[in-house]
N, C-alpha and C. Protein backbone atom coordinates (compact mmCIF):
# COMPACT_ATOMS: atom_id res chain seq x y z
N MET A 1 0.85 -1.18 0.00
CA MET A 1 0.00 0.00 0.00
C MET A 1 0.90 1.24 0.00
N PRO A 2 0.65 2.20 -0.88
CA PRO A 2 1.51 3.38 -0.95
C PRO A 2 1.30 4.30 0.25
N ILE A 3 2.36 4.99 0.60
CA ILE A 3 2.30 5.96 1.68
C ILE A 3 1.78 7.27 1.10
N LEU A 4 0.77 7.83 1.73
CA LEU A 4 0.18 9.07 1.24
C LEU A 4 1.01 10.27 1.66
N ALA A 5 1.03 11.27 0.82
CA ALA A 5 1.74 12.51 1.14
C ALA A 5 0.99 13.26 2.23
N HIS A 6 1.72 14.06 2.98
CA HIS A 6 1.12 14.87 4.03
C HIS A 6 0.15 15.88 3.41
N GLU A 7 -1.05 15.96 3.96
CA GLU A 7 -2.07 16.88 3.45
C GLU A 7 -1.68 18.33 3.73
N THR A 8 -2.12 19.22 2.86
CA THR A 8 -1.97 20.65 3.09
C THR A 8 -3.03 21.06 4.10
N GLU A 9 -2.61 21.51 5.27
CA GLU A 9 -3.56 21.88 6.31
C GLU A 9 -3.78 23.39 6.39
N LEU A 10 -2.90 24.16 5.74
CA LEU A 10 -2.96 25.61 5.79
C LEU A 10 -2.73 26.16 4.38
N HIS A 11 -3.71 26.89 3.86
CA HIS A 11 -3.57 27.47 2.53
C HIS A 11 -4.16 28.86 2.53
N PRO A 12 -3.46 29.86 2.08
CA PRO A 12 -2.03 29.92 1.78
C PRO A 12 -1.21 29.98 3.06
N ARG A 13 0.10 29.93 2.92
CA ARG A 13 0.99 29.91 4.08
C ARG A 13 0.87 31.16 4.94
N ASP A 14 0.50 32.29 4.35
CA ASP A 14 0.36 33.54 5.10
C ASP A 14 -1.10 33.81 5.50
N LEU A 15 -1.86 32.76 5.69
CA LEU A 15 -3.29 32.88 5.96
C LEU A 15 -3.60 33.77 7.15
N PHE A 16 -2.89 33.61 8.25
CA PHE A 16 -3.20 34.38 9.45
C PHE A 16 -2.86 35.86 9.27
N ASP A 17 -1.80 36.15 8.52
CA ASP A 17 -1.47 37.54 8.22
C ASP A 17 -2.55 38.15 7.32
N ARG A 18 -3.04 37.38 6.37
CA ARG A 18 -4.09 37.85 5.47
C ARG A 18 -5.37 38.16 6.25
N ALA A 19 -5.69 37.30 7.23
CA ALA A 19 -6.90 37.51 8.03
C ALA A 19 -6.82 38.82 8.81
N GLU A 20 -5.63 39.15 9.29
CA GLU A 20 -5.46 40.39 10.05
C GLU A 20 -5.40 41.61 9.15
N ALA A 21 -4.88 41.45 7.94
CA ALA A 21 -4.69 42.58 7.03
C ALA A 21 -5.97 43.02 6.33
N ARG A 22 -6.88 42.07 6.07
CA ARG A 22 -8.08 42.39 5.29
C ARG A 22 -9.35 41.95 6.01
N PRO A 23 -9.58 42.40 7.25
CA PRO A 23 -10.75 41.91 7.98
C PRO A 23 -12.09 42.32 7.37
N SER A 24 -12.13 43.40 6.59
CA SER A 24 -13.40 43.82 6.01
C SER A 24 -13.73 43.01 4.75
N LEU A 25 -12.73 42.41 4.10
CA LEU A 25 -12.97 41.64 2.88
C LEU A 25 -13.15 40.15 3.15
N ASP A 26 -12.30 39.61 4.01
CA ASP A 26 -12.34 38.18 4.30
C ASP A 26 -12.77 37.95 5.74
N ARG A 27 -13.64 36.96 5.91
CA ARG A 27 -14.12 36.61 7.25
C ARG A 27 -13.92 35.12 7.48
N TRP A 28 -13.77 34.77 8.75
CA TRP A 28 -13.62 33.36 9.11
C TRP A 28 -14.99 32.70 9.11
N TRP A 29 -15.08 31.60 8.39
CA TRP A 29 -16.25 30.73 8.42
C TRP A 29 -15.81 29.41 9.02
N VAL A 30 -16.60 28.88 9.90
CA VAL A 30 -16.34 27.56 10.47
C VAL A 30 -17.23 26.59 9.70
N LEU A 31 -16.60 25.68 8.99
CA LEU A 31 -17.32 24.72 8.16
C LEU A 31 -17.43 23.42 8.94
N TYR A 32 -18.65 23.00 9.21
CA TYR A 32 -18.89 21.73 9.88
C TYR A 32 -19.10 20.69 8.79
N THR A 33 -18.19 19.73 8.72
CA THR A 33 -18.20 18.77 7.62
C THR A 33 -19.06 17.56 7.92
N LEU A 34 -19.37 16.84 6.88
CA LEU A 34 -19.96 15.52 7.05
C LEU A 34 -18.90 14.65 7.73
N SER A 35 -19.31 13.57 8.33
CA SER A 35 -18.39 12.71 9.06
C SER A 35 -17.23 12.25 8.17
N ARG A 36 -16.03 12.49 8.66
CA ARG A 36 -14.78 12.06 8.02
C ARG A 36 -14.59 12.64 6.61
N HIS A 37 -15.03 13.87 6.39
CA HIS A 37 -14.88 14.54 5.10
C HIS A 37 -13.93 15.73 5.16
N GLU A 38 -13.20 15.90 6.25
CA GLU A 38 -12.35 17.07 6.40
C GLU A 38 -11.28 17.14 5.31
N LYS A 39 -10.58 16.05 5.08
CA LYS A 39 -9.49 16.06 4.10
C LYS A 39 -10.02 16.22 2.67
N GLN A 40 -11.13 15.60 2.38
CA GLN A 40 -11.72 15.76 1.05
C GLN A 40 -12.10 17.22 0.82
N LEU A 41 -12.67 17.87 1.84
CA LEU A 41 -13.01 19.28 1.72
C LEU A 41 -11.75 20.12 1.56
N MET A 42 -10.71 19.82 2.30
CA MET A 42 -9.45 20.57 2.18
C MET A 42 -8.89 20.46 0.76
N ARG A 43 -8.92 19.28 0.19
CA ARG A 43 -8.41 19.09 -1.17
C ARG A 43 -9.20 19.93 -2.18
N ARG A 44 -10.51 19.95 -2.02
CA ARG A 44 -11.34 20.72 -2.96
C ARG A 44 -11.15 22.22 -2.78
N LEU A 45 -11.02 22.68 -1.54
CA LEU A 45 -10.77 24.10 -1.31
C LEU A 45 -9.42 24.50 -1.89
N LEU A 46 -8.43 23.63 -1.75
CA LEU A 46 -7.10 23.89 -2.30
C LEU A 46 -7.16 24.02 -3.82
N LEU A 47 -7.88 23.11 -4.47
CA LEU A 47 -8.03 23.17 -5.93
C LEU A 47 -8.72 24.46 -6.38
N ASP A 48 -9.67 24.94 -5.57
CA ASP A 48 -10.40 26.16 -5.91
C ASP A 48 -9.66 27.42 -5.47
N GLY A 49 -8.51 27.26 -4.80
CA GLY A 49 -7.74 28.41 -4.35
C GLY A 49 -8.37 29.16 -3.18
N ILE A 50 -9.17 28.48 -2.39
CA ILE A 50 -9.86 29.10 -1.26
C ILE A 50 -9.01 28.91 -0.01
N ALA A 51 -8.86 29.98 0.76
CA ALA A 51 -8.03 29.96 1.97
C ALA A 51 -8.71 29.15 3.08
N PHE A 52 -7.94 28.27 3.73
CA PHE A 52 -8.50 27.45 4.80
C PHE A 52 -7.41 27.02 5.78
N TYR A 53 -7.85 26.53 6.93
CA TYR A 53 -6.96 25.93 7.92
C TYR A 53 -7.70 24.80 8.60
N CYS A 54 -7.08 23.65 8.67
CA CYS A 54 -7.59 22.50 9.41
C CYS A 54 -6.40 21.89 10.14
N PRO A 55 -6.26 22.17 11.44
CA PRO A 55 -5.10 21.65 12.16
C PRO A 55 -5.07 20.12 12.17
N LEU A 56 -3.95 19.56 11.71
CA LEU A 56 -3.77 18.12 11.67
C LEU A 56 -2.68 17.74 12.66
N VAL A 57 -2.90 16.64 13.38
CA VAL A 57 -1.91 16.14 14.33
C VAL A 57 -1.62 14.67 14.02
N PRO A 58 -0.38 14.25 14.25
CA PRO A 58 -0.04 12.85 13.96
C PRO A 58 -0.62 11.90 15.00
N LYS A 59 -1.07 10.75 14.52
CA LYS A 59 -1.54 9.68 15.40
C LYS A 59 -0.89 8.39 14.95
N ARG A 60 -0.24 7.73 15.88
CA ARG A 60 0.46 6.48 15.56
C ARG A 60 -0.42 5.29 15.92
N ASN A 61 -0.47 4.32 15.01
CA ASN A 61 -1.21 3.08 15.22
C ASN A 61 -0.31 1.92 14.85
N ARG A 62 -0.53 0.82 15.51
CA ARG A 62 0.20 -0.40 15.18
C ARG A 62 -0.75 -1.34 14.47
N SER A 63 -0.32 -1.81 13.31
CA SER A 63 -1.15 -2.73 12.53
C SER A 63 -1.08 -4.12 13.16
N PRO A 64 -1.99 -5.01 12.79
CA PRO A 64 -1.94 -6.38 13.33
C PRO A 64 -0.60 -7.08 13.05
N SER A 65 0.08 -6.68 11.98
CA SER A 65 1.36 -7.32 11.66
C SER A 65 2.52 -6.68 12.43
N GLY A 66 2.23 -5.62 13.20
CA GLY A 66 3.27 -5.02 14.02
C GLY A 66 3.87 -3.74 13.47
N ARG A 67 3.50 -3.38 12.22
CA ARG A 67 4.03 -2.13 11.64
C ARG A 67 3.41 -0.93 12.32
N VAL A 68 4.23 0.09 12.54
CA VAL A 68 3.73 1.34 13.10
C VAL A 68 3.41 2.28 11.95
N ARG A 69 2.19 2.77 11.95
CA ARG A 69 1.75 3.69 10.91
C ARG A 69 1.36 5.01 11.56
N THR A 70 1.74 6.09 10.90
CA THR A 70 1.39 7.41 11.41
C THR A 70 0.40 8.04 10.45
N SER A 71 -0.73 8.45 11.00
CA SER A 71 -1.77 9.14 10.22
C SER A 71 -1.85 10.58 10.70
N GLN A 72 -2.25 11.46 9.81
CA GLN A 72 -2.50 12.85 10.16
C GLN A 72 -4.01 13.01 10.31
N LEU A 73 -4.46 13.29 11.54
CA LEU A 73 -5.88 13.41 11.80
C LEU A 73 -6.23 14.83 12.22
N PRO A 74 -7.44 15.29 11.89
CA PRO A 74 -7.85 16.63 12.31
C PRO A 74 -7.89 16.73 13.84
N LEU A 75 -7.36 17.82 14.35
CA LEU A 75 -7.40 18.07 15.79
C LEU A 75 -8.84 18.29 16.25
N PHE A 76 -9.61 19.01 15.42
CA PHE A 76 -11.02 19.25 15.72
C PHE A 76 -11.86 18.49 14.71
N THR A 77 -12.36 17.34 15.13
CA THR A 77 -13.12 16.47 14.24
C THR A 77 -14.31 17.22 13.64
N ASN A 78 -14.46 17.11 12.34
CA ASN A 78 -15.55 17.67 11.55
C ASN A 78 -15.49 19.18 11.36
N TYR A 79 -14.37 19.83 11.67
CA TYR A 79 -14.27 21.28 11.50
C TYR A 79 -13.13 21.66 10.56
N VAL A 80 -13.42 22.57 9.64
CA VAL A 80 -12.42 23.21 8.79
C VAL A 80 -12.71 24.70 8.85
N PHE A 81 -11.68 25.51 9.03
CA PHE A 81 -11.82 26.95 9.13
C PHE A 81 -11.48 27.55 7.77
N MET A 82 -12.40 28.33 7.22
CA MET A 82 -12.21 28.92 5.91
C MET A 82 -12.22 30.43 6.02
N LEU A 83 -11.34 31.08 5.27
CA LEU A 83 -11.28 32.54 5.24
C LEU A 83 -11.76 33.00 3.87
N GLY A 84 -12.83 33.78 3.85
CA GLY A 84 -13.34 34.25 2.57
C GLY A 84 -14.65 34.97 2.72
N GLY A 85 -15.29 35.19 1.60
CA GLY A 85 -16.57 35.88 1.57
C GLY A 85 -17.70 34.92 1.27
N GLU A 86 -18.83 35.49 0.90
CA GLU A 86 -20.02 34.70 0.61
C GLU A 86 -19.81 33.76 -0.59
N ASP A 87 -19.05 34.20 -1.60
CA ASP A 87 -18.80 33.34 -2.77
C ASP A 87 -18.01 32.10 -2.37
N GLU A 88 -17.01 32.26 -1.51
CA GLU A 88 -16.21 31.11 -1.05
C GLU A 88 -17.06 30.18 -0.20
N ARG A 89 -17.94 30.75 0.63
CA ARG A 89 -18.83 29.92 1.46
C ARG A 89 -19.73 29.08 0.57
N ARG A 90 -20.26 29.69 -0.46
CA ARG A 90 -21.13 28.97 -1.40
C ARG A 90 -20.35 27.86 -2.12
N ALA A 91 -19.13 28.17 -2.53
CA ALA A 91 -18.30 27.15 -3.20
C ALA A 91 -18.02 25.98 -2.26
N ALA A 92 -17.80 26.26 -0.98
CA ALA A 92 -17.56 25.19 0.00
C ALA A 92 -18.80 24.32 0.14
N LEU A 93 -19.96 24.94 0.17
CA LEU A 93 -21.21 24.17 0.28
C LEU A 93 -21.43 23.29 -0.95
N GLU A 94 -21.00 23.75 -2.11
CA GLU A 94 -21.17 22.99 -3.34
C GLU A 94 -20.29 21.75 -3.42
N THR A 95 -19.31 21.63 -2.53
CA THR A 95 -18.45 20.45 -2.52
C THR A 95 -19.18 19.21 -2.00
N ARG A 96 -20.32 19.41 -1.35
CA ARG A 96 -21.10 18.33 -0.74
C ARG A 96 -20.35 17.63 0.39
N CYS A 97 -19.38 18.34 0.97
CA CYS A 97 -18.65 17.84 2.13
C CYS A 97 -19.07 18.58 3.40
N VAL A 98 -19.84 19.65 3.25
CA VAL A 98 -20.16 20.53 4.36
C VAL A 98 -21.61 20.35 4.79
N SER A 99 -21.80 20.18 6.08
CA SER A 99 -23.13 20.05 6.65
C SER A 99 -23.74 21.43 6.93
N ARG A 100 -22.93 22.32 7.55
CA ARG A 100 -23.39 23.68 7.81
C ARG A 100 -22.21 24.61 7.97
N THR A 101 -22.47 25.90 7.85
CA THR A 101 -21.43 26.90 8.01
C THR A 101 -21.83 27.87 9.12
N LEU A 102 -20.83 28.34 9.83
CA LEU A 102 -21.05 29.32 10.90
C LEU A 102 -20.07 30.46 10.71
N LEU A 103 -20.56 31.67 10.81
CA LEU A 103 -19.69 32.84 10.74
C LEU A 103 -19.20 33.12 12.16
N ALA A 104 -17.88 33.18 12.34
CA ALA A 104 -17.31 33.43 13.66
C ALA A 104 -17.63 34.86 14.09
N PRO A 105 -18.21 35.05 15.27
CA PRO A 105 -18.60 36.39 15.70
C PRO A 105 -17.41 37.27 16.08
N ASP A 106 -16.36 36.69 16.66
CA ASP A 106 -15.18 37.46 17.08
C ASP A 106 -14.02 37.08 16.18
N GLN A 107 -13.93 37.73 15.03
CA GLN A 107 -12.93 37.40 14.01
C GLN A 107 -11.49 37.51 14.53
N PRO A 108 -11.10 38.64 15.19
CA PRO A 108 -9.71 38.74 15.68
C PRO A 108 -9.36 37.66 16.71
N GLN A 109 -10.31 37.30 17.56
CA GLN A 109 -10.05 36.28 18.57
C GLN A 109 -9.84 34.92 17.92
N LEU A 110 -10.66 34.59 16.92
CA LEU A 110 -10.49 33.30 16.23
C LEU A 110 -9.15 33.27 15.50
N THR A 111 -8.75 34.37 14.88
CA THR A 111 -7.45 34.43 14.22
C THR A 111 -6.34 34.16 15.21
N ALA A 112 -6.39 34.80 16.38
CA ALA A 112 -5.36 34.61 17.41
C ALA A 112 -5.36 33.18 17.93
N ASP A 113 -6.53 32.61 18.16
CA ASP A 113 -6.63 31.23 18.65
C ASP A 113 -6.05 30.24 17.65
N LEU A 114 -6.42 30.39 16.37
CA LEU A 114 -5.94 29.46 15.35
C LEU A 114 -4.44 29.61 15.12
N ARG A 115 -3.95 30.84 15.17
CA ARG A 115 -2.50 31.07 15.01
C ARG A 115 -1.75 30.36 16.14
N GLN A 116 -2.28 30.45 17.35
CA GLN A 116 -1.61 29.81 18.49
C GLN A 116 -1.63 28.28 18.36
N ILE A 117 -2.74 27.71 17.93
CA ILE A 117 -2.81 26.26 17.70
C ILE A 117 -1.80 25.86 16.62
N HIS A 118 -1.72 26.63 15.55
CA HIS A 118 -0.78 26.34 14.46
C HIS A 118 0.67 26.37 14.97
N ARG A 119 1.01 27.35 15.77
CA ARG A 119 2.36 27.45 16.33
C ARG A 119 2.64 26.27 17.26
N LEU A 120 1.66 25.87 18.06
CA LEU A 120 1.84 24.76 18.98
C LEU A 120 2.08 23.45 18.23
N ILE A 121 1.34 23.22 17.16
CA ILE A 121 1.54 22.02 16.33
C ILE A 121 2.93 22.06 15.71
N GLY A 122 3.37 23.25 15.30
CA GLY A 122 4.68 23.41 14.67
C GLY A 122 5.85 23.05 15.57
N ILE A 123 5.65 23.14 16.88
CA ILE A 123 6.72 22.77 17.82
C ILE A 123 6.99 21.27 17.76
N GLY A 124 5.96 20.49 17.45
CA GLY A 124 6.16 19.06 17.28
C GLY A 124 6.01 18.22 18.54
N VAL A 125 5.41 18.77 19.58
CA VAL A 125 5.20 18.01 20.80
C VAL A 125 3.85 17.29 20.72
N PRO A 126 3.68 16.20 21.45
CA PRO A 126 2.39 15.49 21.43
C PRO A 126 1.26 16.38 21.98
N LEU A 127 0.16 16.44 21.25
CA LEU A 127 -1.01 17.21 21.67
C LEU A 127 -2.15 16.28 21.98
N THR A 128 -2.99 16.69 22.91
CA THR A 128 -4.18 15.95 23.25
C THR A 128 -5.39 16.82 22.94
N PRO A 129 -6.31 16.36 22.10
CA PRO A 129 -7.52 17.15 21.86
C PRO A 129 -8.31 17.30 23.15
N GLU A 130 -8.87 18.48 23.35
CA GLU A 130 -9.66 18.77 24.54
C GLU A 130 -11.02 19.28 24.10
N GLY A 131 -12.06 18.61 24.52
CA GLY A 131 -13.41 19.05 24.21
C GLY A 131 -14.08 19.66 25.42
N ARG A 132 -14.94 20.60 25.20
CA ARG A 132 -15.71 21.26 26.26
C ARG A 132 -14.82 21.70 27.42
N LEU A 133 -14.04 22.72 27.15
CA LEU A 133 -13.08 23.22 28.12
C LEU A 133 -13.75 23.82 29.34
N GLN A 134 -13.12 23.65 30.48
CA GLN A 134 -13.59 24.22 31.73
C GLN A 134 -12.98 25.59 31.94
N ALA A 135 -13.67 26.44 32.69
CA ALA A 135 -13.13 27.75 33.02
C ALA A 135 -11.95 27.58 33.97
N GLY A 136 -10.97 28.43 33.86
CA GLY A 136 -9.80 28.38 34.73
C GLY A 136 -9.08 29.71 34.70
N THR A 137 -7.94 29.74 35.36
CA THR A 137 -7.15 30.96 35.40
C THR A 137 -6.29 31.05 34.15
N PRO A 138 -6.49 32.10 33.36
CA PRO A 138 -5.66 32.25 32.16
C PRO A 138 -4.23 32.65 32.53
N VAL A 139 -3.27 32.05 31.81
CA VAL A 139 -1.85 32.32 32.06
C VAL A 139 -1.12 32.49 30.74
N ARG A 140 0.06 33.09 30.81
CA ARG A 140 0.98 33.19 29.68
C ARG A 140 2.29 32.54 30.12
N VAL A 141 2.84 31.68 29.28
CA VAL A 141 4.10 31.00 29.59
C VAL A 141 5.25 31.99 29.36
N LYS A 142 6.11 32.13 30.36
CA LYS A 142 7.20 33.11 30.29
C LYS A 142 8.52 32.53 29.84
N THR A 143 8.77 31.24 30.09
CA THR A 143 10.04 30.61 29.75
C THR A 143 9.82 29.24 29.12
N GLY A 144 10.85 28.70 28.51
CA GLY A 144 10.80 27.35 27.97
C GLY A 144 10.32 27.29 26.53
N ALA A 145 10.07 26.07 26.08
CA ALA A 145 9.68 25.84 24.68
C ALA A 145 8.35 26.48 24.32
N PHE A 146 7.48 26.70 25.30
CA PHE A 146 6.15 27.24 25.04
C PHE A 146 6.05 28.72 25.40
N ARG A 147 7.17 29.39 25.45
CA ARG A 147 7.20 30.81 25.79
C ARG A 147 6.28 31.61 24.85
N GLY A 148 5.44 32.45 25.45
CA GLY A 148 4.52 33.29 24.69
C GLY A 148 3.14 32.70 24.49
N PHE A 149 2.97 31.41 24.72
CA PHE A 149 1.65 30.79 24.56
C PHE A 149 0.75 31.19 25.72
N GLU A 150 -0.53 31.36 25.42
CA GLU A 150 -1.53 31.68 26.43
C GLU A 150 -2.52 30.54 26.51
N GLY A 151 -2.96 30.24 27.73
CA GLY A 151 -3.92 29.18 27.94
C GLY A 151 -4.28 29.07 29.40
N VAL A 152 -4.71 27.89 29.78
CA VAL A 152 -5.11 27.61 31.15
C VAL A 152 -4.29 26.42 31.64
N ILE A 153 -3.77 26.51 32.87
CA ILE A 153 -3.02 25.40 33.45
C ILE A 153 -4.00 24.46 34.14
N GLU A 154 -3.83 23.17 33.90
CA GLU A 154 -4.64 22.15 34.55
C GLU A 154 -3.72 21.07 35.08
N ARG A 155 -3.99 20.59 36.27
CA ARG A 155 -3.20 19.52 36.87
C ARG A 155 -3.90 18.18 36.63
N ARG A 156 -3.13 17.22 36.11
CA ARG A 156 -3.62 15.85 35.91
C ARG A 156 -2.56 14.89 36.38
N GLN A 157 -2.92 14.03 37.29
CA GLN A 157 -2.00 13.02 37.81
C GLN A 157 -0.69 13.65 38.26
N GLY A 158 -0.79 14.82 38.92
CA GLY A 158 0.38 15.48 39.47
C GLY A 158 1.25 16.20 38.45
N ARG A 159 0.81 16.30 37.21
CA ARG A 159 1.59 16.97 36.17
C ARG A 159 0.79 18.12 35.60
N ALA A 160 1.49 19.18 35.22
CA ALA A 160 0.83 20.37 34.68
C ALA A 160 0.67 20.26 33.17
N HIS A 161 -0.51 20.61 32.69
CA HIS A 161 -0.81 20.65 31.26
C HIS A 161 -1.27 22.06 30.92
N LEU A 162 -0.84 22.56 29.77
CA LEU A 162 -1.30 23.84 29.26
C LEU A 162 -2.40 23.57 28.26
N LEU A 163 -3.60 24.10 28.53
CA LEU A 163 -4.73 23.97 27.62
C LEU A 163 -4.81 25.22 26.78
N VAL A 164 -4.72 25.05 25.46
CA VAL A 164 -4.83 26.16 24.51
C VAL A 164 -6.16 25.99 23.81
N ALA A 165 -6.98 27.05 23.82
CA ALA A 165 -8.36 26.95 23.36
C ALA A 165 -8.60 27.65 22.04
N VAL A 166 -9.58 27.12 21.31
CA VAL A 166 -10.23 27.86 20.23
C VAL A 166 -11.59 28.19 20.83
N ASN A 167 -11.71 29.40 21.35
CA ASN A 167 -12.87 29.78 22.15
C ASN A 167 -14.20 29.62 21.43
N PHE A 168 -14.25 29.90 20.14
CA PHE A 168 -15.49 29.79 19.40
C PHE A 168 -16.06 28.37 19.46
N LEU A 169 -15.19 27.36 19.38
CA LEU A 169 -15.62 25.96 19.42
C LEU A 169 -15.77 25.43 20.84
N GLN A 170 -15.19 26.14 21.80
CA GLN A 170 -15.09 25.64 23.17
C GLN A 170 -14.36 24.29 23.19
N GLN A 171 -13.33 24.20 22.34
CA GLN A 171 -12.46 23.05 22.27
C GLN A 171 -11.04 23.56 22.18
N GLY A 172 -10.10 22.67 22.31
CA GLY A 172 -8.71 23.08 22.20
C GLY A 172 -7.80 21.87 22.23
N ALA A 173 -6.57 22.12 22.64
CA ALA A 173 -5.56 21.07 22.73
C ALA A 173 -4.76 21.32 23.99
N SER A 174 -4.23 20.24 24.54
CA SER A 174 -3.37 20.41 25.71
C SER A 174 -2.02 19.77 25.43
N VAL A 175 -1.03 20.29 26.14
CA VAL A 175 0.33 19.80 26.01
C VAL A 175 0.91 19.71 27.41
N LEU A 176 1.73 18.70 27.63
CA LEU A 176 2.40 18.54 28.91
C LEU A 176 3.37 19.70 29.08
N LEU A 177 3.27 20.39 30.19
CA LEU A 177 4.07 21.59 30.44
C LEU A 177 5.20 21.21 31.38
N ASP A 178 6.41 21.19 30.84
CA ASP A 178 7.57 20.88 31.66
C ASP A 178 8.05 22.14 32.37
N ASP A 179 9.17 22.05 32.98
CA ASP A 179 9.74 23.10 33.81
C ASP A 179 9.74 24.46 33.12
N CYS A 180 8.84 25.35 33.55
CA CYS A 180 8.76 26.69 32.99
C CYS A 180 8.05 27.62 33.97
N GLN A 181 8.10 28.90 33.70
CA GLN A 181 7.43 29.88 34.53
C GLN A 181 6.23 30.43 33.78
N VAL A 182 5.17 30.71 34.53
CA VAL A 182 3.98 31.29 33.92
C VAL A 182 3.60 32.55 34.68
N GLU A 183 2.87 33.44 34.01
CA GLU A 183 2.34 34.62 34.66
C GLU A 183 0.84 34.65 34.44
N ARG A 184 0.13 35.12 35.44
CA ARG A 184 -1.32 35.19 35.39
C ARG A 184 -1.75 36.35 34.48
N LEU A 185 -2.74 36.10 33.65
CA LEU A 185 -3.31 37.15 32.80
C LEU A 185 -4.54 37.72 33.48
N ASP A 186 -4.72 39.02 33.39
CA ASP A 186 -5.90 39.64 34.00
C ASP A 186 -6.90 40.06 32.98
């Protein structure tokens, strides 16, 4: 069986800069896909030249024969974030991969949240998807590999985890937080 190439999860590469530069022209749409249609939608949006982001994280599985296989799975199941106008939204709906679309009410906040998730994935540390986040004390990491990231600290089994949220979805990702300093955000 051939090994598949890594999917394009961010198009174009300067997507977050574009979102900040042209907020009156392009808006974030949250596309809720049909079950397991995220990658098919991403491929079609890429062919149409439509800007999108779907955070992908590696997942390792062992086959019955013992081979280790790594798949790239969406961090947020059934969600693809698209940047564009009404024409792009209509084109996404025409792919027959989308169940519904939602316009993000706080565009700058969604841009900041998605940029932070993208940076966290880029570090290459294991991430854990987090659904239905709980309220907590917001912090900013001051030192270490996660310097500059903002989120909520949660203790699990005596270890600290940094939860980074996409507030619009009330979902996010967590990462094990090793020796570092944090400051409380007000």
